[in-house]
Amino acid sequence: MRSILILAVLLLAGGGYVARYADDVLGANPAPKAAAARPADEPRQPVTSGRSLVLDADRQGHFRAAARVEGRAIDFMVDTGASLVVVRESDAARIGVRPMRADYTAVVSTANGKVKAAPAKLERVELGGITVYDVAALVMPDDALGENLLGTSFLSRLKRYEYANGRLVLEQ
């Protein structure tokens, strides 16, 4: 009986050691690490955890993100004021979206006046661990749009998006 009790104690102690070792190796309980020094005006890299993403504002207060659209990398500025995702013609062509001139049927009001745009559907937009399918979009001429916009046709499909303390949290 005494040997069984000793064996049970050894198994419990060994199991605890193995569990702690597995947590350290697999990252469930990472040891605290010193923060890397970076200039105060340099935005941090996006923090992704599963199906959520945290973006820091850039110097102008904008949120920029590298996404994958149809499997290809495209940079966006997150724009909660844009109803749709808006892609420049050159970037649309890189992902295989090439509207004909006759497809430019939507009229968009911009800071530089009214511009024609082509409605499109993006099969898959990935941002960090977040993936949204069948996203309504517009394609606009490069000279009418300085950068791609990640609008509410993407954002509204998330569980939440929230601005706080200079950071934008996206969660699916």
N, C-alpha and C. Protein backbone atom coordinates (compact mmCIF):
# COMPACT_ATOMS: atom_id res chain seq x y z
N MET A 1 0.82 -1.19 0.00
CA MET A 1 0.00 0.00 0.00
C MET A 1 0.87 1.26 0.00
N ARG A 2 1.92 1.19 0.81
CA ARG A 2 2.83 2.33 0.90
C ARG A 2 3.48 2.61 -0.45
N SER A 3 3.88 1.59 -1.19
CA SER A 3 4.52 1.79 -2.49
C SER A 3 3.53 2.38 -3.51
N ILE A 4 2.25 2.03 -3.42
CA ILE A 4 1.24 2.61 -4.32
C ILE A 4 1.07 4.09 -4.03
N LEU A 5 1.07 4.45 -2.75
CA LEU A 5 0.94 5.85 -2.36
C LEU A 5 2.15 6.66 -2.86
N ILE A 6 3.34 6.12 -2.71
CA ILE A 6 4.54 6.81 -3.20
C ILE A 6 4.50 6.95 -4.71
N LEU A 7 4.07 5.91 -5.40
CA LEU A 7 3.95 5.96 -6.86
C LEU A 7 2.95 7.02 -7.29
N ALA A 8 1.82 7.13 -6.58
CA ALA A 8 0.80 8.12 -6.91
C ALA A 8 1.36 9.54 -6.74
N VAL A 9 2.09 9.79 -5.66
CA VAL A 9 2.69 11.11 -5.41
C VAL A 9 3.70 11.44 -6.50
N LEU A 10 4.52 10.47 -6.88
CA LEU A 10 5.50 10.69 -7.94
C LEU A 10 4.82 11.00 -9.27
N LEU A 11 3.74 10.28 -9.59
CA LEU A 11 2.99 10.53 -10.83
C LEU A 11 2.38 11.92 -10.83
N LEU A 12 1.80 12.34 -9.70
CA LEU A 12 1.22 13.69 -9.62
C LEU A 12 2.29 14.77 -9.79
N ALA A 13 3.40 14.60 -9.11
CA ALA A 13 4.49 15.57 -9.22
C ALA A 13 5.04 15.61 -10.64
N GLY A 14 5.24 14.42 -11.23
CA GLY A 14 5.74 14.36 -12.61
C GLY A 14 4.75 14.96 -13.59
N GLY A 15 3.46 14.71 -13.38
CA GLY A 15 2.43 15.29 -14.25
C GLY A 15 2.42 16.80 -14.18
N GLY A 16 2.58 17.35 -12.99
CA GLY A 16 2.63 18.81 -12.83
C GLY A 16 3.84 19.40 -13.55
N TYR A 17 4.98 18.72 -13.43
CA TYR A 17 6.19 19.19 -14.11
C TYR A 17 6.01 19.14 -15.64
N VAL A 18 5.45 18.05 -16.13
CA VAL A 18 5.23 17.90 -17.58
C VAL A 18 4.27 18.97 -18.08
N ALA A 19 3.20 19.25 -17.33
CA ALA A 19 2.22 20.27 -17.73
C ALA A 19 2.88 21.65 -17.79
N ARG A 20 3.69 21.98 -16.78
CA ARG A 20 4.37 23.28 -16.76
C ARG A 20 5.35 23.39 -17.93
N TYR A 21 6.08 22.31 -18.20
CA TYR A 21 7.01 22.28 -19.32
C TYR A 21 6.27 22.47 -20.65
N ALA A 22 5.14 21.79 -20.81
CA ALA A 22 4.36 21.91 -22.05
C ALA A 22 3.83 23.33 -22.22
N ASP A 23 3.37 23.97 -21.14
CA ASP A 23 2.90 25.35 -21.22
C ASP A 23 4.02 26.28 -21.69
N ASP A 24 5.22 26.09 -21.15
CA ASP A 24 6.35 26.93 -21.54
C ASP A 24 6.73 26.72 -23.00
N VAL A 25 6.77 25.47 -23.42
CA VAL A 25 7.18 25.14 -24.78
C VAL A 25 6.13 25.58 -25.80
N LEU A 26 4.86 25.35 -25.49
CA LEU A 26 3.79 25.67 -26.43
C LEU A 26 3.32 27.10 -26.35
N GLY A 27 3.81 27.87 -25.39
CA GLY A 27 3.49 29.29 -25.34
C GLY A 27 2.23 29.63 -24.58
N ALA A 28 1.63 28.71 -23.87
CA ALA A 28 0.42 29.02 -23.11
C ALA A 28 0.74 29.92 -21.93
N ASN A 29 1.93 29.81 -21.38
CA ASN A 29 2.36 30.63 -20.26
C ASN A 29 3.72 31.23 -20.59
N PRO A 30 3.80 32.12 -21.58
CA PRO A 30 5.12 32.60 -21.97
C PRO A 30 5.76 33.43 -20.86
N ALA A 31 7.06 33.30 -20.76
CA ALA A 31 7.79 34.10 -19.79
C ALA A 31 7.77 35.54 -20.24
N PRO A 32 7.64 36.50 -19.30
CA PRO A 32 7.63 37.90 -19.70
C PRO A 32 8.93 38.25 -20.41
N LYS A 33 8.83 39.02 -21.47
CA LYS A 33 10.00 39.43 -22.22
C LYS A 33 10.11 40.94 -22.17
N ALA A 34 11.30 41.43 -22.22
CA ALA A 34 11.51 42.87 -22.22
C ALA A 34 10.96 43.46 -23.51
N ALA A 35 10.32 44.61 -23.39
CA ALA A 35 9.76 45.27 -24.58
C ALA A 35 10.89 45.82 -25.43
N ALA A 36 10.78 45.61 -26.72
CA ALA A 36 11.79 46.12 -27.63
C ALA A 36 11.63 47.63 -27.75
N ALA A 37 12.73 48.32 -27.76
CA ALA A 37 12.68 49.78 -27.89
C ALA A 37 12.31 50.14 -29.32
N ARG A 38 11.40 51.14 -29.46
CA ARG A 38 11.01 51.63 -30.77
C ARG A 38 10.68 53.10 -30.62
N PRO A 39 10.85 53.86 -31.68
CA PRO A 39 10.51 55.28 -31.60
C PRO A 39 9.04 55.46 -31.26
N ALA A 40 8.72 56.51 -30.51
CA ALA A 40 7.35 56.76 -30.07
C ALA A 40 6.40 57.00 -31.23
N ASP A 41 6.89 57.53 -32.36
CA ASP A 41 6.01 57.84 -33.47
C ASP A 41 5.84 56.67 -34.44
N GLU A 42 6.54 55.57 -34.20
CA GLU A 42 6.45 54.41 -35.09
C GLU A 42 5.32 53.50 -34.61
N PRO A 43 4.33 53.20 -35.48
CA PRO A 43 3.24 52.33 -35.03
C PRO A 43 3.73 50.92 -34.77
N ARG A 44 3.10 50.27 -33.81
CA ARG A 44 3.43 48.88 -33.52
C ARG A 44 2.87 48.00 -34.63
N GLN A 45 3.43 46.82 -34.75
CA GLN A 45 2.90 45.85 -35.70
C GLN A 45 1.52 45.44 -35.24
N PRO A 46 0.61 45.14 -36.18
CA PRO A 46 -0.72 44.68 -35.76
C PRO A 46 -0.61 43.45 -34.88
N VAL A 47 -1.43 43.42 -33.85
CA VAL A 47 -1.45 42.29 -32.94
C VAL A 47 -2.64 41.43 -33.31
N THR A 48 -2.38 40.20 -33.65
CA THR A 48 -3.47 39.30 -34.02
C THR A 48 -3.53 38.15 -33.03
N SER A 49 -4.72 37.79 -32.67
CA SER A 49 -4.94 36.68 -31.75
C SER A 49 -6.19 35.95 -32.22
N GLY A 50 -5.97 34.83 -32.87
CA GLY A 50 -7.12 34.08 -33.38
C GLY A 50 -7.88 34.90 -34.39
N ARG A 51 -9.11 35.22 -34.05
CA ARG A 51 -9.96 35.96 -34.98
C ARG A 51 -10.16 37.39 -34.53
N SER A 52 -9.12 37.98 -33.96
CA SER A 52 -9.17 39.40 -33.61
C SER A 52 -7.85 40.05 -34.01
N LEU A 53 -7.90 41.35 -34.18
CA LEU A 53 -6.73 42.10 -34.64
C LEU A 53 -6.75 43.47 -33.99
N VAL A 54 -5.60 43.95 -33.54
CA VAL A 54 -5.48 45.28 -32.96
C VAL A 54 -4.52 46.08 -33.84
N LEU A 55 -5.00 47.24 -34.33
CA LEU A 55 -4.18 48.12 -35.16
C LEU A 55 -3.90 49.41 -34.42
N ASP A 56 -2.69 49.91 -34.51
CA ASP A 56 -2.34 51.21 -33.95
C ASP A 56 -2.46 52.27 -35.02
N ALA A 57 -2.85 53.47 -34.61
CA ALA A 57 -2.96 54.59 -35.53
C ALA A 57 -1.57 55.02 -35.97
N ASP A 58 -1.47 55.50 -37.22
CA ASP A 58 -0.20 56.03 -37.70
C ASP A 58 -0.08 57.50 -37.25
N ARG A 59 0.92 58.19 -37.72
CA ARG A 59 1.17 59.59 -37.31
C ARG A 59 0.00 60.52 -37.61
N GLN A 60 -0.73 60.21 -38.69
CA GLN A 60 -1.87 61.04 -39.06
C GLN A 60 -3.17 60.59 -38.39
N GLY A 61 -3.11 59.56 -37.58
CA GLY A 61 -4.30 59.05 -36.91
C GLY A 61 -5.07 58.04 -37.73
N HIS A 62 -4.50 57.58 -38.85
CA HIS A 62 -5.16 56.60 -39.70
C HIS A 62 -4.73 55.19 -39.33
N PHE A 63 -5.58 54.24 -39.66
CA PHE A 63 -5.27 52.84 -39.41
C PHE A 63 -5.00 52.17 -40.75
N ARG A 64 -3.82 51.63 -40.89
CA ARG A 64 -3.43 50.97 -42.15
C ARG A 64 -3.22 49.49 -41.86
N ALA A 65 -3.59 48.69 -42.85
CA ALA A 65 -3.49 47.24 -42.66
C ALA A 65 -3.13 46.56 -43.97
N ALA A 66 -2.30 45.56 -43.86
CA ALA A 66 -1.98 44.71 -45.02
C ALA A 66 -2.94 43.54 -45.00
N ALA A 67 -3.74 43.43 -46.04
CA ALA A 67 -4.73 42.36 -46.14
C ALA A 67 -4.36 41.44 -47.29
N ARG A 68 -5.07 40.35 -47.39
CA ARG A 68 -4.96 39.44 -48.53
C ARG A 68 -6.34 39.39 -49.15
N VAL A 69 -6.39 39.77 -50.41
CA VAL A 69 -7.65 39.73 -51.16
C VAL A 69 -7.45 38.74 -52.30
N GLU A 70 -8.33 37.77 -52.36
CA GLU A 70 -8.21 36.70 -53.36
C GLU A 70 -6.81 36.07 -53.30
N GLY A 71 -6.24 36.04 -52.08
CA GLY A 71 -4.94 35.41 -51.87
C GLY A 71 -3.74 36.28 -52.17
N ARG A 72 -3.96 37.55 -52.55
CA ARG A 72 -2.83 38.44 -52.86
C ARG A 72 -2.79 39.60 -51.87
N ALA A 73 -1.58 40.04 -51.54
CA ALA A 73 -1.39 41.11 -50.56
C ALA A 73 -1.79 42.46 -51.14
N ILE A 74 -2.60 43.18 -50.39
CA ILE A 74 -3.01 44.54 -50.76
C ILE A 74 -3.05 45.37 -49.48
N ASP A 75 -2.52 46.59 -49.54
CA ASP A 75 -2.55 47.50 -48.40
C ASP A 75 -3.84 48.32 -48.42
N PHE A 76 -4.40 48.54 -47.24
CA PHE A 76 -5.63 49.30 -47.09
C PHE A 76 -5.48 50.33 -45.98
N MET A 77 -6.29 51.38 -46.08
CA MET A 77 -6.54 52.27 -44.97
C MET A 77 -7.94 51.93 -44.49
N VAL A 78 -8.09 51.67 -43.19
CA VAL A 78 -9.41 51.36 -42.65
C VAL A 78 -10.19 52.67 -42.62
N ASP A 79 -11.39 52.65 -43.23
CA ASP A 79 -12.21 53.86 -43.35
C ASP A 79 -13.64 53.54 -42.93
N THR A 80 -13.96 53.86 -41.69
CA THR A 80 -15.31 53.59 -41.18
C THR A 80 -16.35 54.48 -41.85
N GLY A 81 -15.92 55.51 -42.55
CA GLY A 81 -16.85 56.39 -43.26
C GLY A 81 -17.13 55.94 -44.68
N ALA A 82 -16.41 54.94 -45.16
CA ALA A 82 -16.64 54.42 -46.52
C ALA A 82 -17.66 53.28 -46.42
N SER A 83 -18.69 53.37 -47.23
CA SER A 83 -19.74 52.34 -47.20
C SER A 83 -19.23 50.99 -47.68
N LEU A 84 -18.32 51.01 -48.61
CA LEU A 84 -17.83 49.78 -49.23
C LEU A 84 -16.32 49.70 -49.15
N VAL A 85 -15.80 48.53 -49.45
CA VAL A 85 -14.37 48.38 -49.69
C VAL A 85 -14.14 49.00 -51.07
N VAL A 86 -13.13 49.84 -51.19
CA VAL A 86 -12.84 50.50 -52.46
C VAL A 86 -11.39 50.18 -52.84
N VAL A 87 -11.23 49.66 -54.07
CA VAL A 87 -9.93 49.20 -54.52
C VAL A 87 -9.52 49.99 -55.77
N ARG A 88 -8.27 50.39 -55.80
CA ARG A 88 -7.72 51.07 -56.98
C ARG A 88 -7.65 50.09 -58.15
N GLU A 89 -7.82 50.60 -59.36
CA GLU A 89 -7.80 49.75 -60.57
C GLU A 89 -6.57 48.86 -60.66
N SER A 90 -5.40 49.43 -60.38
CA SER A 90 -4.17 48.65 -60.52
C SER A 90 -4.14 47.48 -59.54
N ASP A 91 -4.60 47.71 -58.30
CA ASP A 91 -4.64 46.62 -57.32
C ASP A 91 -5.74 45.62 -57.66
N ALA A 92 -6.86 46.11 -58.18
CA ALA A 92 -7.94 45.20 -58.60
C ALA A 92 -7.44 44.27 -59.70
N ALA A 93 -6.69 44.80 -60.63
CA ALA A 93 -6.16 43.98 -61.73
C ALA A 93 -5.22 42.90 -61.18
N ARG A 94 -4.42 43.24 -60.15
CA ARG A 94 -3.51 42.25 -59.56
C ARG A 94 -4.24 41.08 -58.93
N ILE A 95 -5.47 41.32 -58.45
CA ILE A 95 -6.23 40.23 -57.83
C ILE A 95 -7.22 39.58 -58.80
N GLY A 96 -7.14 39.99 -60.06
CA GLY A 96 -7.98 39.36 -61.08
C GLY A 96 -9.32 40.02 -61.32
N VAL A 97 -9.53 41.20 -60.77
CA VAL A 97 -10.78 41.94 -60.99
C VAL A 97 -10.47 43.03 -62.02
N ARG A 98 -11.03 42.86 -63.22
CA ARG A 98 -10.76 43.80 -64.33
C ARG A 98 -12.07 44.23 -64.97
N PRO A 99 -12.73 45.22 -64.38
CA PRO A 99 -14.00 45.66 -64.96
C PRO A 99 -13.80 46.34 -66.33
N MET A 100 -14.79 46.16 -67.19
CA MET A 100 -14.79 46.83 -68.49
C MET A 100 -15.24 48.28 -68.28
N ARG A 101 -14.95 49.15 -69.23
CA ARG A 101 -15.38 50.56 -69.10
C ARG A 101 -16.89 50.67 -68.90
N ALA A 102 -17.64 49.80 -69.52
CA ALA A 102 -19.11 49.83 -69.39
C ALA A 102 -19.58 49.44 -67.98
N ASP A 103 -18.70 48.80 -67.19
CA ASP A 103 -19.06 48.39 -65.83
C ASP A 103 -18.99 49.54 -64.83
N TYR A 104 -18.43 50.66 -65.24
CA TYR A 104 -18.29 51.81 -64.34
C TYR A 104 -19.62 52.56 -64.30
N THR A 105 -20.56 52.01 -63.55
CA THR A 105 -21.92 52.55 -63.51
C THR A 105 -22.25 53.30 -62.23
N ALA A 106 -21.47 53.10 -61.18
CA ALA A 106 -21.72 53.79 -59.91
C ALA A 106 -21.05 55.16 -59.93
N VAL A 107 -21.73 56.15 -59.39
CA VAL A 107 -21.15 57.49 -59.27
C VAL A 107 -20.85 57.73 -57.80
N VAL A 108 -19.60 58.05 -57.52
CA VAL A 108 -19.12 58.23 -56.14
C VAL A 108 -18.73 59.69 -55.95
N SER A 109 -19.18 60.28 -54.84
CA SER A 109 -18.77 61.64 -54.50
C SER A 109 -17.51 61.58 -53.66
N THR A 110 -16.46 62.22 -54.15
CA THR A 110 -15.19 62.26 -53.43
C THR A 110 -14.86 63.71 -53.11
N ALA A 111 -13.76 63.91 -52.41
CA ALA A 111 -13.32 65.28 -52.11
C ALA A 111 -12.99 66.04 -53.39
N ASN A 112 -12.66 65.31 -54.46
CA ASN A 112 -12.31 65.93 -55.74
C ASN A 112 -13.47 65.94 -56.73
N GLY A 113 -14.68 65.69 -56.25
CA GLY A 113 -15.84 65.70 -57.13
C GLY A 113 -16.38 64.30 -57.35
N LYS A 114 -17.24 64.18 -58.37
CA LYS A 114 -17.88 62.89 -58.67
C LYS A 114 -17.02 62.07 -59.61
N VAL A 115 -16.95 60.76 -59.31
CA VAL A 115 -16.12 59.84 -60.08
C VAL A 115 -16.94 58.58 -60.34
N LYS A 116 -16.76 57.99 -61.51
CA LYS A 116 -17.43 56.73 -61.81
C LYS A 116 -16.61 55.56 -61.26
N ALA A 117 -17.33 54.57 -60.74
CA ALA A 117 -16.69 53.39 -60.16
C ALA A 117 -17.44 52.15 -60.65
N ALA A 118 -16.75 51.01 -60.61
CA ALA A 118 -17.33 49.74 -61.04
C ALA A 118 -17.64 48.88 -59.82
N PRO A 119 -18.90 48.49 -59.62
CA PRO A 119 -19.22 47.56 -58.52
C PRO A 119 -18.53 46.22 -58.75
N ALA A 120 -18.11 45.59 -57.65
CA ALA A 120 -17.43 44.30 -57.72
C ALA A 120 -17.75 43.51 -56.46
N LYS A 121 -17.46 42.23 -56.50
CA LYS A 121 -17.62 41.36 -55.34
C LYS A 121 -16.28 40.67 -55.11
N LEU A 122 -15.74 40.81 -53.90
CA LEU A 122 -14.48 40.16 -53.55
C LEU A 122 -14.81 38.85 -52.84
N GLU A 123 -14.31 37.76 -53.38
CA GLU A 123 -14.65 36.44 -52.82
C GLU A 123 -14.13 36.27 -51.40
N ARG A 124 -12.91 36.76 -51.11
CA ARG A 124 -12.32 36.53 -49.80
C ARG A 124 -11.37 37.68 -49.45
N VAL A 125 -11.59 38.27 -48.27
CA VAL A 125 -10.71 39.31 -47.74
C VAL A 125 -10.22 38.82 -46.38
N GLU A 126 -8.88 38.71 -46.25
CA GLU A 126 -8.28 38.23 -45.02
C GLU A 126 -7.45 39.34 -44.40
N LEU A 127 -7.62 39.50 -43.09
CA LEU A 127 -6.88 40.50 -42.35
C LEU A 127 -6.49 39.87 -41.03
N GLY A 128 -5.19 39.56 -40.89
CA GLY A 128 -4.76 38.82 -39.70
C GLY A 128 -5.46 37.47 -39.69
N GLY A 129 -6.09 37.12 -38.58
CA GLY A 129 -6.83 35.87 -38.48
C GLY A 129 -8.29 35.99 -38.88
N ILE A 130 -8.67 37.15 -39.42
CA ILE A 130 -10.06 37.41 -39.79
C ILE A 130 -10.24 37.16 -41.28
N THR A 131 -11.30 36.44 -41.64
CA THR A 131 -11.62 36.20 -43.04
C THR A 131 -13.09 36.50 -43.27
N VAL A 132 -13.37 37.33 -44.28
CA VAL A 132 -14.75 37.66 -44.65
C VAL A 132 -14.92 37.29 -46.13
N TYR A 133 -16.02 36.62 -46.43
CA TYR A 133 -16.29 36.17 -47.79
C TYR A 133 -17.37 37.03 -48.45
N ASP A 134 -17.33 37.09 -49.79
CA ASP A 134 -18.33 37.80 -50.59
C ASP A 134 -18.53 39.24 -50.11
N VAL A 135 -17.48 40.02 -50.23
CA VAL A 135 -17.48 41.40 -49.76
C VAL A 135 -17.79 42.34 -50.93
N ALA A 136 -18.82 43.17 -50.76
CA ALA A 136 -19.17 44.16 -51.77
C ALA A 136 -18.07 45.21 -51.85
N ALA A 137 -17.71 45.59 -53.07
CA ALA A 137 -16.61 46.53 -53.27
C ALA A 137 -16.87 47.41 -54.48
N LEU A 138 -16.04 48.42 -54.62
CA LEU A 138 -16.02 49.28 -55.80
C LEU A 138 -14.60 49.32 -56.32
N VAL A 139 -14.45 49.39 -57.63
CA VAL A 139 -13.15 49.61 -58.26
C VAL A 139 -13.17 51.03 -58.80
N MET A 140 -12.13 51.79 -58.44
CA MET A 140 -12.03 53.18 -58.90
C MET A 140 -10.72 53.39 -59.63
N PRO A 141 -10.70 54.35 -60.57
CA PRO A 141 -9.45 54.67 -61.28
C PRO A 141 -8.37 55.10 -60.29
N ASP A 142 -7.13 54.73 -60.58
CA ASP A 142 -6.00 55.06 -59.71
C ASP A 142 -5.89 56.56 -59.45
N ASP A 143 -6.16 57.38 -60.48
CA ASP A 143 -6.00 58.82 -60.30
C ASP A 143 -7.11 59.44 -59.44
N ALA A 144 -8.16 58.68 -59.17
CA ALA A 144 -9.25 59.19 -58.34
C ALA A 144 -9.15 58.71 -56.89
N LEU A 145 -8.28 57.74 -56.64
CA LEU A 145 -8.18 57.15 -55.31
C LEU A 145 -6.71 56.95 -54.95
N GLY A 146 -6.27 57.62 -53.90
CA GLY A 146 -4.87 57.55 -53.49
C GLY A 146 -4.48 56.21 -52.89
N GLU A 147 -5.41 55.57 -52.17
CA GLU A 147 -5.13 54.29 -51.55
C GLU A 147 -6.42 53.50 -51.39
N ASN A 148 -6.28 52.21 -51.24
CA ASN A 148 -7.43 51.32 -51.08
C ASN A 148 -8.07 51.58 -49.72
N LEU A 149 -9.39 51.48 -49.68
CA LEU A 149 -10.13 51.73 -48.45
C LEU A 149 -10.84 50.46 -47.98
N LEU A 150 -10.68 50.14 -46.72
CA LEU A 150 -11.38 49.01 -46.13
C LEU A 150 -12.59 49.57 -45.41
N GLY A 151 -13.73 49.55 -46.10
CA GLY A 151 -14.94 50.19 -45.59
C GLY A 151 -15.87 49.25 -44.86
N THR A 152 -17.09 49.75 -44.63
CA THR A 152 -18.03 49.01 -43.78
C THR A 152 -18.63 47.77 -44.44
N SER A 153 -18.49 47.58 -45.74
CA SER A 153 -18.94 46.31 -46.31
C SER A 153 -18.10 45.16 -45.76
N PHE A 154 -16.89 45.44 -45.31
CA PHE A 154 -16.05 44.46 -44.60
C PHE A 154 -16.30 44.57 -43.10
N LEU A 155 -16.19 45.77 -42.55
CA LEU A 155 -16.26 45.98 -41.11
C LEU A 155 -17.59 45.54 -40.51
N SER A 156 -18.69 45.76 -41.22
CA SER A 156 -20.01 45.42 -40.67
C SER A 156 -20.22 43.91 -40.57
N ARG A 157 -19.38 43.14 -41.19
CA ARG A 157 -19.49 41.68 -41.14
C ARG A 157 -18.72 41.09 -39.95
N LEU A 158 -18.07 41.96 -39.19
CA LEU A 158 -17.34 41.52 -38.00
C LEU A 158 -18.26 41.50 -36.80
N LYS A 159 -17.86 40.79 -35.77
CA LYS A 159 -18.61 40.78 -34.51
C LYS A 159 -18.59 42.18 -33.91
N ARG A 160 -17.40 42.81 -33.98
CA ARG A 160 -17.28 44.19 -33.49
C ARG A 160 -16.03 44.83 -34.07
N TYR A 161 -16.07 46.15 -34.13
CA TYR A 161 -14.86 46.95 -34.35
C TYR A 161 -15.01 48.16 -33.46
N GLU A 162 -13.89 48.51 -32.81
CA GLU A 162 -13.96 49.52 -31.77
C GLU A 162 -12.68 50.34 -31.74
N TYR A 163 -12.84 51.64 -31.60
CA TYR A 163 -11.70 52.55 -31.46
C TYR A 163 -11.57 52.94 -30.00
N ALA A 164 -10.36 52.81 -29.45
CA ALA A 164 -10.09 53.24 -28.08
C ALA A 164 -8.60 53.46 -27.90
N ASN A 165 -8.24 54.58 -27.31
CA ASN A 165 -6.84 54.88 -26.96
C ASN A 165 -5.88 54.77 -28.14
N GLY A 166 -6.28 55.28 -29.29
CA GLY A 166 -5.40 55.27 -30.44
C GLY A 166 -5.25 53.91 -31.10
N ARG A 167 -6.12 52.98 -30.76
CA ARG A 167 -6.05 51.63 -31.32
C ARG A 167 -7.42 51.25 -31.87
N LEU A 168 -7.39 50.44 -32.92
CA LEU A 168 -8.61 49.92 -33.50
C LEU A 168 -8.63 48.42 -33.28
N VAL A 169 -9.68 47.92 -32.65
CA VAL A 169 -9.81 46.49 -32.38
C VAL A 169 -10.86 45.93 -33.34
N LEU A 170 -10.47 44.91 -34.09
CA LEU A 170 -11.38 44.21 -34.99
C LEU A 170 -11.54 42.79 -34.47
N GLU A 171 -12.78 42.32 -34.37
CA GLU A 171 -13.02 40.98 -33.84
C GLU A 171 -14.10 40.28 -34.66
N GLN A 172 -13.82 39.05 -35.04
CA GLN A 172 -14.78 38.27 -35.82
C GLN A 172 -15.43 37.22 -34.94
